[in-house]
Each structure stands twice: as structure tokens, then as C-alpha cells.
């Protein structure tokens, strides 16, 4: 088998929905295998321990959290549980998971945060109504940053 033919076979396996190709031609056996990398969606629990930070770096974070606290006691913040990129929809062509004014139920997917090439679905922590989306689509978010304000009920 010539190099060009072998190259075509490798490209075929790479582009096809197969993971293994085995050919036995005139006593010459060729076997091509492709590793599949699975994408996992991880939903983190509501309570996540904060990362250890130096005291000097922690002080500004505490101040900004106090400034971002909801003014209305009936509002609940949904915060980022990880550092990553915030997405309002599953892909650019899809409608957003939620809009301001939408009624949501506990466990409903409300956004995605991409972290290290993994797409993590973020779920509503309680029933309520979306009062504000605090982060622009496709923007970077920090751990603990407020993503949504939810009106209880």
C-alpha cells in the first residue's frame, strides 16, 4: 500500500464516526484506531468550599461581594461556582436558557460555564423569577461572581 492510500485511510478514520479500521491486503495488515475524548457535563453542588487565597488578595474580593449584594431581601444571587466563560445558550443558534422575567424551577439549567474545554450546566438553586442577568453572554466569570438575581417564589 502506498503512502497516499495510507494517508487517505487515516483521514477517513479521523473524519468518520468510526473508532477502528482494520485492513488485511495481500498479507499486509493495517490497523488504525482513534481515541475518543468524551465531553462531560458536570453539575456542581450548591455548597462549594472557597479556594484558599492569600489574605491580601481576599480583602478586595470581600468588599466587591458586599457591593454586589442584592438590595431587595426577596432577591437571591446565583453565583459562579468556577472560573470560566459564561454562555446563555447551548450554542450560538439556540435561544437563551432564560430571559429576564422567566419563571424558573429548582434544577432547571439556566446557563453554561465553560472551564478547561468542559461545558458545565448551571442549574437554578430554587424556584423563582429571573430579575436580572448580571453577566454578558460569552464573557469571562470569576468564582463567586453573581450571574443572576432571582426573585423568590
N, C-alpha and C. Protein backbone atom coordinates (compact mmCIF):
# COMPACT_ATOMS: atom_id res chain seq x y z
N UNK A 1 0.86 -1.18 0.00
CA UNK A 1 0.00 0.00 0.00
C UNK A 1 0.90 1.23 0.00
N UNK A 2 0.54 2.19 -0.81
CA UNK A 2 1.34 3.39 -0.94
C UNK A 2 1.00 4.41 0.14
N UNK A 3 1.90 5.36 0.29
CA UNK A 3 1.75 6.40 1.32
C UNK A 3 0.44 7.18 1.14
N UNK A 4 0.11 7.55 -0.09
CA UNK A 4 -1.10 8.33 -0.35
C UNK A 4 -2.35 7.57 0.09
N UNK A 5 -2.38 6.27 -0.20
CA UNK A 5 -3.53 5.45 0.20
C UNK A 5 -3.63 5.36 1.72
N UNK A 6 -2.49 5.19 2.37
CA UNK A 6 -2.46 5.10 3.82
C UNK A 6 -2.92 6.41 4.46
N UNK A 7 -2.47 7.51 3.88
CA UNK A 7 -2.88 8.83 4.39
C UNK A 7 -4.39 9.02 4.25
N UNK A 8 -4.96 8.58 3.13
CA UNK A 8 -6.41 8.67 2.93
C UNK A 8 -7.17 7.85 3.97
N UNK A 9 -6.63 6.68 4.30
CA UNK A 9 -7.28 5.83 5.31
C UNK A 9 -7.27 6.51 6.68
N UNK A 10 -6.15 7.11 7.03
CA UNK A 10 -6.05 7.82 8.32
C UNK A 10 -7.05 8.97 8.35
N UNK A 11 -7.14 9.73 7.28
CA UNK A 11 -8.11 10.83 7.21
C UNK A 11 -9.54 10.32 7.30
N UNK A 12 -9.80 9.19 6.68
CA UNK A 12 -11.13 8.59 6.72
C UNK A 12 -11.52 8.27 8.16
N UNK A 13 -10.62 7.65 8.90
CA UNK A 13 -10.91 7.31 10.30
C UNK A 13 -11.08 8.56 11.14
N UNK A 14 -10.24 9.57 10.91
CA UNK A 14 -10.35 10.82 11.68
C UNK A 14 -11.68 11.51 11.46
N UNK A 15 -12.18 11.52 10.24
CA UNK A 15 -13.38 12.27 9.90
C UNK A 15 -14.67 11.46 10.01
N UNK A 16 -14.57 10.16 10.11
CA UNK A 16 -15.76 9.31 10.16
C UNK A 16 -16.15 9.03 11.61
N UNK A 17 -17.34 8.50 11.75
CA UNK A 17 -17.86 8.18 13.09
C UNK A 17 -17.42 6.79 13.52
N UNK A 18 -16.25 6.37 13.05
CA UNK A 18 -15.72 5.07 13.46
C UNK A 18 -14.49 5.28 14.33
N UNK A 19 -14.17 4.28 15.14
CA UNK A 19 -13.02 4.40 16.02
C UNK A 19 -11.92 3.40 15.67
N UNK A 20 -12.23 2.47 14.76
CA UNK A 20 -11.28 1.41 14.47
C UNK A 20 -11.44 0.97 13.01
N UNK A 21 -10.31 0.78 12.33
CA UNK A 21 -10.32 0.28 10.95
C UNK A 21 -9.21 -0.75 10.84
N UNK A 22 -9.54 -1.92 10.30
CA UNK A 22 -8.57 -2.98 10.13
C UNK A 22 -8.66 -3.50 8.70
N UNK A 23 -7.51 -3.55 8.02
CA UNK A 23 -7.46 -4.00 6.63
C UNK A 23 -6.35 -5.04 6.50
N UNK A 24 -6.67 -6.14 5.81
CA UNK A 24 -5.68 -7.19 5.53
C UNK A 24 -5.62 -7.34 4.02
N UNK A 25 -4.54 -6.84 3.42
CA UNK A 25 -4.41 -6.83 1.96
C UNK A 25 -3.12 -7.51 1.56
N UNK A 26 -3.23 -8.64 0.86
CA UNK A 26 -2.07 -9.38 0.36
C UNK A 26 -1.07 -9.68 1.47
N UNK A 27 -1.56 -10.10 2.62
CA UNK A 27 -0.68 -10.46 3.72
C UNK A 27 -0.20 -9.29 4.55
N UNK A 28 -0.53 -8.07 4.15
CA UNK A 28 -0.15 -6.88 4.91
C UNK A 28 -1.37 -6.43 5.70
N UNK A 29 -1.19 -6.38 7.01
CA UNK A 29 -2.31 -5.99 7.87
C UNK A 29 -2.08 -4.57 8.36
N UNK A 30 -3.12 -3.73 8.21
CA UNK A 30 -3.07 -2.34 8.67
C UNK A 30 -4.23 -2.15 9.64
N UNK A 31 -3.91 -1.58 10.79
CA UNK A 31 -4.93 -1.34 11.80
C UNK A 31 -4.80 0.11 12.27
N UNK A 32 -5.91 0.85 12.21
CA UNK A 32 -5.92 2.26 12.63
C UNK A 32 -6.98 2.40 13.71
N UNK A 33 -6.57 2.97 14.84
CA UNK A 33 -7.51 3.19 15.95
C UNK A 33 -7.52 4.67 16.29
N UNK A 34 -8.69 5.14 16.70
CA UNK A 34 -8.85 6.55 17.08
C UNK A 34 -9.35 6.61 18.51
N UNK A 35 -8.68 7.43 19.32
CA UNK A 35 -9.15 7.66 20.69
C UNK A 35 -10.27 8.67 20.66
N UNK A 36 -11.30 8.41 21.45
CA UNK A 36 -12.41 9.35 21.54
C UNK A 36 -12.33 10.05 22.88
N UNK A 37 -12.33 11.38 22.84
CA UNK A 37 -12.33 12.17 24.06
C UNK A 37 -13.77 12.54 24.36
N UNK A 38 -14.24 12.07 25.50
CA UNK A 38 -15.63 12.34 25.87
C UNK A 38 -15.73 13.68 26.58
N UNK A 39 -16.77 14.43 26.24
CA UNK A 39 -17.07 15.68 26.93
C UNK A 39 -18.03 15.36 28.05
N UNK A 40 -17.68 15.78 29.24
CA UNK A 40 -18.54 15.52 30.38
C UNK A 40 -19.16 16.81 30.85
N UNK A 41 -20.41 16.71 31.23
CA UNK A 41 -21.10 17.85 31.81
C UNK A 41 -21.19 17.60 33.30
N UNK A 42 -20.70 18.54 34.05
CA UNK A 42 -20.66 18.38 35.50
C UNK A 42 -21.53 19.44 36.14
N UNK A 43 -22.39 19.01 37.04
CA UNK A 43 -23.20 19.95 37.80
C UNK A 43 -22.64 19.94 39.21
N UNK A 44 -22.18 21.09 39.66
CA UNK A 44 -21.60 21.18 40.98
C UNK A 44 -22.67 21.36 42.03
N UNK A 45 -22.43 20.86 43.23
CA UNK A 45 -23.41 21.06 44.30
C UNK A 45 -23.47 22.52 44.69
N UNK A 46 -24.55 22.88 45.41
CA UNK A 46 -24.76 24.27 45.79
C UNK A 46 -23.68 24.76 46.73
N UNK A 47 -23.23 23.91 47.62
CA UNK A 47 -22.23 24.35 48.59
C UNK A 47 -20.86 23.88 48.12
N UNK A 48 -20.01 24.83 47.81
CA UNK A 48 -18.66 24.55 47.37
C UNK A 48 -17.72 25.37 48.24
N UNK A 49 -16.71 24.72 48.79
CA UNK A 49 -15.78 25.46 49.65
C UNK A 49 -14.97 26.43 48.81
N UNK A 50 -14.70 27.58 49.38
CA UNK A 50 -13.95 28.62 48.68
C UNK A 50 -12.49 28.21 48.56
N UNK A 51 -11.83 28.59 47.47
CA UNK A 51 -10.42 28.27 47.33
C UNK A 51 -9.59 29.07 48.33
N UNK A 52 -8.45 28.51 48.69
CA UNK A 52 -7.57 29.19 49.63
C UNK A 52 -6.86 30.31 48.90
N UNK A 53 -6.96 31.53 49.44
CA UNK A 53 -6.32 32.69 48.85
C UNK A 53 -5.54 33.42 49.93
N UNK A 54 -4.57 34.19 49.50
CA UNK A 54 -3.82 34.96 50.47
C UNK A 54 -4.70 36.05 51.04
N UNK A 55 -4.46 36.43 52.29
CA UNK A 55 -5.29 37.42 52.97
C UNK A 55 -5.32 38.75 52.23
N UNK A 56 -4.22 39.18 51.68
CA UNK A 56 -4.17 40.47 50.98
C UNK A 56 -5.07 40.44 49.74
N UNK A 57 -5.08 39.34 49.04
CA UNK A 57 -5.90 39.24 47.84
C UNK A 57 -7.37 39.04 48.18
N UNK A 58 -7.66 38.52 49.36
CA UNK A 58 -9.04 38.23 49.73
C UNK A 58 -9.81 39.49 50.11
N UNK A 59 -9.17 40.47 50.67
CA UNK A 59 -9.86 41.67 51.14
C UNK A 59 -10.63 42.38 50.02
N UNK A 60 -10.06 42.63 48.84
CA UNK A 60 -10.83 43.29 47.78
C UNK A 60 -12.03 42.45 47.34
N UNK A 61 -11.90 41.12 47.33
CA UNK A 61 -12.99 40.26 46.93
C UNK A 61 -14.16 40.39 47.89
N UNK A 62 -13.89 40.46 49.18
CA UNK A 62 -14.95 40.61 50.17
C UNK A 62 -15.67 41.94 50.00
N UNK A 63 -14.94 43.00 49.70
CA UNK A 63 -15.57 44.30 49.51
C UNK A 63 -16.50 44.28 48.30
N UNK A 64 -16.05 43.69 47.20
CA UNK A 64 -16.88 43.67 46.00
C UNK A 64 -18.12 42.81 46.22
N UNK A 65 -18.02 41.75 47.01
CA UNK A 65 -19.19 40.91 47.29
C UNK A 65 -20.24 41.70 48.05
N UNK A 66 -19.80 42.54 48.98
CA UNK A 66 -20.75 43.33 49.75
C UNK A 66 -21.44 44.36 48.86
N UNK A 67 -20.69 44.92 47.91
CA UNK A 67 -21.26 45.90 47.00
C UNK A 67 -22.28 45.26 46.07
N UNK A 68 -22.06 43.99 45.70
CA UNK A 68 -22.93 43.30 44.77
C UNK A 68 -24.15 42.68 45.45
N UNK A 69 -24.22 42.72 46.76
CA UNK A 69 -25.33 42.08 47.47
C UNK A 69 -26.65 42.68 47.01
N UNK A 70 -27.67 41.84 46.84
CA UNK A 70 -28.95 42.35 46.36
C UNK A 70 -29.56 43.34 47.35
N UNK A 71 -30.13 44.41 46.80
CA UNK A 71 -30.73 45.45 47.64
C UNK A 71 -32.06 44.98 48.20
N UNK A 72 -32.76 44.13 47.48
CA UNK A 72 -34.06 43.63 47.89
C UNK A 72 -33.88 42.28 48.59
N UNK A 73 -34.45 42.13 49.76
CA UNK A 73 -34.30 40.89 50.53
C UNK A 73 -34.95 39.70 49.82
N UNK A 74 -35.90 39.93 48.91
CA UNK A 74 -36.57 38.84 48.19
C UNK A 74 -35.74 38.32 47.02
N UNK A 75 -34.59 38.94 46.77
CA UNK A 75 -33.75 38.52 45.65
C UNK A 75 -32.66 37.58 46.14
N UNK A 76 -32.40 36.56 45.36
CA UNK A 76 -31.33 35.61 45.65
C UNK A 76 -30.31 35.69 44.53
N UNK A 77 -29.05 35.64 44.88
CA UNK A 77 -27.99 35.64 43.88
C UNK A 77 -27.65 34.21 43.49
N UNK A 78 -27.47 33.99 42.20
CA UNK A 78 -26.88 32.74 41.74
C UNK A 78 -25.48 33.10 41.29
N UNK A 79 -24.50 32.48 41.94
CA UNK A 79 -23.10 32.84 41.72
C UNK A 79 -22.36 31.75 40.95
N UNK A 80 -21.30 32.16 40.28
CA UNK A 80 -20.45 31.22 39.55
C UNK A 80 -19.73 30.32 40.55
N UNK A 81 -19.77 29.03 40.30
CA UNK A 81 -19.10 28.06 41.15
C UNK A 81 -17.69 27.74 40.65
N UNK A 82 -17.29 28.41 39.56
CA UNK A 82 -15.98 28.16 38.97
C UNK A 82 -15.59 29.34 38.08
N UNK A 83 -14.35 29.40 37.73
CA UNK A 83 -13.85 30.39 36.78
C UNK A 83 -14.05 29.81 35.38
N UNK A 84 -14.52 30.65 34.45
CA UNK A 84 -14.71 30.16 33.09
C UNK A 84 -15.39 31.19 32.21
N UNK A 85 -15.99 30.71 31.12
CA UNK A 85 -16.71 31.58 30.18
C UNK A 85 -18.20 31.30 30.30
N UNK A 86 -18.99 32.37 30.47
CA UNK A 86 -20.43 32.29 30.69
C UNK A 86 -21.16 32.26 29.34
N UNK A 87 -22.06 31.30 29.17
CA UNK A 87 -22.88 31.21 27.96
C UNK A 87 -24.35 31.14 28.36
N UNK A 88 -25.18 31.94 27.68
CA UNK A 88 -26.62 31.95 27.96
C UNK A 88 -27.37 30.87 27.20
N UNK A 89 -26.72 30.24 26.21
CA UNK A 89 -27.40 29.20 25.43
C UNK A 89 -26.42 28.07 25.14
N UNK A 90 -26.97 26.94 24.69
CA UNK A 90 -26.15 25.76 24.41
C UNK A 90 -25.22 25.98 23.22
N UNK A 91 -25.66 26.79 22.25
CA UNK A 91 -24.81 27.14 21.11
C UNK A 91 -25.32 28.47 20.55
N UNK A 92 -24.55 29.11 19.68
CA UNK A 92 -24.94 30.45 19.19
C UNK A 92 -26.30 30.50 18.49
N UNK A 93 -26.74 29.40 17.89
CA UNK A 93 -28.01 29.40 17.17
C UNK A 93 -29.21 29.15 18.10
N UNK A 94 -28.96 28.61 19.29
CA UNK A 94 -30.05 28.27 20.21
C UNK A 94 -30.53 29.49 20.97
N UNK A 95 -31.80 29.49 21.37
CA UNK A 95 -32.29 30.58 22.21
C UNK A 95 -31.66 30.48 23.60
N UNK A 96 -31.61 31.59 24.35
CA UNK A 96 -31.03 31.53 25.69
C UNK A 96 -31.85 30.61 26.60
N UNK A 97 -31.16 30.02 27.59
CA UNK A 97 -31.85 29.15 28.54
C UNK A 97 -32.93 29.93 29.29
N UNK A 98 -32.61 31.17 29.69
CA UNK A 98 -33.58 32.01 30.42
C UNK A 98 -33.45 33.46 29.97
N UNK A 99 -34.54 34.21 30.17
CA UNK A 99 -34.54 35.65 29.91
C UNK A 99 -35.09 36.33 31.16
N UNK A 100 -34.88 37.63 31.28
CA UNK A 100 -35.43 38.39 32.40
C UNK A 100 -36.95 38.23 32.37
N UNK A 101 -37.52 37.91 33.53
CA UNK A 101 -38.96 37.71 33.64
C UNK A 101 -39.39 36.26 33.55
N UNK A 102 -38.48 35.37 33.14
CA UNK A 102 -38.83 33.95 33.05
C UNK A 102 -39.00 33.34 34.44
N UNK A 103 -40.00 32.47 34.57
CA UNK A 103 -40.21 31.73 35.81
C UNK A 103 -39.37 30.46 35.71
N UNK A 104 -38.59 30.18 36.75
CA UNK A 104 -37.72 29.01 36.74
C UNK A 104 -38.03 28.12 37.93
N UNK A 105 -37.68 26.85 37.80
CA UNK A 105 -37.85 25.89 38.87
C UNK A 105 -36.48 25.38 39.28
N UNK A 106 -36.37 24.97 40.53
CA UNK A 106 -35.12 24.42 41.05
C UNK A 106 -34.68 23.26 40.15
N UNK A 107 -33.41 23.27 39.77
CA UNK A 107 -32.86 22.23 38.92
C UNK A 107 -32.87 22.53 37.43
N UNK A 108 -33.54 23.60 37.01
CA UNK A 108 -33.58 23.98 35.58
C UNK A 108 -32.22 24.55 35.17
N UNK A 109 -31.72 24.13 34.03
CA UNK A 109 -30.46 24.67 33.51
C UNK A 109 -30.70 26.12 33.09
N UNK A 110 -29.88 27.03 33.64
CA UNK A 110 -30.08 28.45 33.34
C UNK A 110 -28.91 29.06 32.56
N UNK A 111 -27.77 28.37 32.54
CA UNK A 111 -26.62 28.84 31.75
C UNK A 111 -25.58 27.74 31.71
N UNK A 112 -24.50 28.00 30.99
CA UNK A 112 -23.36 27.09 30.91
C UNK A 112 -22.11 27.89 31.22
N UNK A 113 -21.20 27.29 31.97
CA UNK A 113 -19.87 27.88 32.16
C UNK A 113 -18.87 26.88 31.60
N UNK A 114 -18.10 27.37 30.62
CA UNK A 114 -17.05 26.54 30.03
C UNK A 114 -15.78 26.74 30.83
N UNK A 115 -15.23 25.65 31.32
CA UNK A 115 -13.97 25.70 32.06
C UNK A 115 -13.08 24.56 31.56
N UNK A 116 -11.93 24.88 31.06
CA UNK A 116 -10.96 23.91 30.56
C UNK A 116 -11.60 22.97 29.52
N UNK A 117 -12.32 23.54 28.58
CA UNK A 117 -12.96 22.82 27.47
C UNK A 117 -14.10 21.90 27.92
N UNK A 118 -14.53 22.00 29.17
CA UNK A 118 -15.71 21.27 29.64
C UNK A 118 -16.86 22.25 29.79
N UNK A 119 -18.03 21.86 29.32
CA UNK A 119 -19.20 22.72 29.42
C UNK A 119 -20.03 22.26 30.61
N UNK A 120 -20.09 23.11 31.63
CA UNK A 120 -20.75 22.79 32.89
C UNK A 120 -22.11 23.48 32.95
N UNK A 121 -23.17 22.69 33.04
CA UNK A 121 -24.51 23.25 33.13
C UNK A 121 -24.74 23.78 34.54
N UNK A 122 -25.20 25.01 34.64
CA UNK A 122 -25.51 25.61 35.94
C UNK A 122 -27.02 25.58 36.10
N UNK A 123 -27.46 25.02 37.23
CA UNK A 123 -28.89 24.85 37.48
C UNK A 123 -29.38 25.85 38.50
N UNK A 124 -30.68 26.17 38.41
CA UNK A 124 -31.31 27.06 39.39
C UNK A 124 -31.29 26.38 40.75
N UNK A 125 -30.98 27.15 41.78
CA UNK A 125 -30.89 26.61 43.13
C UNK A 125 -32.23 26.61 43.84
N UNK A 126 -33.19 27.37 43.30
CA UNK A 126 -34.53 27.43 43.89
C UNK A 126 -35.51 27.95 42.84
N UNK A 127 -36.80 27.83 43.16
CA UNK A 127 -37.85 28.36 42.28
C UNK A 127 -37.83 29.88 42.35
N UNK A 128 -38.21 30.52 41.26
CA UNK A 128 -38.28 31.98 41.28
C UNK A 128 -38.45 32.56 39.89
N UNK A 129 -38.22 33.87 39.80
CA UNK A 129 -38.33 34.60 38.54
C UNK A 129 -37.01 35.32 38.29
N UNK A 130 -36.50 35.24 37.08
CA UNK A 130 -35.25 35.92 36.72
C UNK A 130 -35.51 37.43 36.74
N UNK A 131 -34.85 38.12 37.66
CA UNK A 131 -34.98 39.58 37.76
C UNK A 131 -33.88 40.29 36.97
N UNK A 132 -32.69 39.68 36.96
CA UNK A 132 -31.56 40.33 36.26
C UNK A 132 -30.54 39.28 35.86
N UNK A 133 -30.01 39.44 34.65
CA UNK A 133 -28.86 38.65 34.20
C UNK A 133 -27.67 39.58 34.33
N UNK A 134 -26.77 39.27 35.24
CA UNK A 134 -25.71 40.20 35.65
C UNK A 134 -24.44 40.11 34.79
N UNK A 135 -24.38 39.17 33.87
CA UNK A 135 -23.16 38.94 33.10
C UNK A 135 -23.50 38.90 31.61
N UNK A 136 -22.74 39.59 30.77
CA UNK A 136 -22.97 39.50 29.31
C UNK A 136 -22.62 38.10 28.79
N UNK A 137 -23.31 37.69 27.74
CA UNK A 137 -23.04 36.39 27.12
C UNK A 137 -21.59 36.32 26.63
N UNK A 138 -21.00 35.15 26.75
CA UNK A 138 -19.64 34.85 26.29
C UNK A 138 -18.57 35.65 27.01
N UNK A 139 -18.84 36.08 28.24
CA UNK A 139 -17.83 36.83 28.98
C UNK A 139 -17.19 35.95 30.05
N UNK A 140 -16.00 36.33 30.46
CA UNK A 140 -15.28 35.59 31.50
C UNK A 140 -15.92 35.88 32.85
N UNK A 141 -16.04 34.82 33.67
CA UNK A 141 -16.58 34.99 35.02
C UNK A 141 -15.58 34.43 36.03
N UNK A 142 -15.63 34.99 37.21
CA UNK A 142 -14.76 34.58 38.31
C UNK A 142 -15.56 33.73 39.30
N UNK A 143 -14.87 32.96 40.10
CA UNK A 143 -15.52 32.19 41.16
C UNK A 143 -16.23 33.16 42.11
N UNK A 144 -17.49 32.89 42.41
CA UNK A 144 -18.25 33.73 43.34
C UNK A 144 -18.90 34.94 42.71
N UNK A 145 -18.68 35.18 41.43
CA UNK A 145 -19.29 36.33 40.75
C UNK A 145 -20.79 36.08 40.57
N UNK A 146 -21.60 37.11 40.81
CA UNK A 146 -23.05 36.98 40.66
C UNK A 146 -23.41 36.88 39.18
N UNK A 147 -24.15 35.82 38.82
CA UNK A 147 -24.59 35.60 37.45
C UNK A 147 -26.02 36.08 37.23
N UNK A 148 -26.89 35.77 38.20
CA UNK A 148 -28.31 36.09 38.10
C UNK A 148 -28.83 36.60 39.44
N UNK A 149 -29.87 37.43 39.38
CA UNK A 149 -30.66 37.77 40.56
C UNK A 149 -32.03 37.15 40.34
N UNK A 150 -32.46 36.37 41.32
CA UNK A 150 -33.71 35.63 41.24
C UNK A 150 -34.67 36.15 42.30
N UNK A 151 -35.89 36.45 41.90
CA UNK A 151 -36.93 36.83 42.86
C UNK A 151 -37.57 35.55 43.37
N UNK A 152 -37.56 35.36 44.68
CA UNK A 152 -38.09 34.13 45.27
C UNK A 152 -39.57 33.99 44.99
N UNK A 153 -39.98 32.75 44.81
CA UNK A 153 -41.41 32.49 44.66
C UNK A 153 -41.66 31.96 43.34
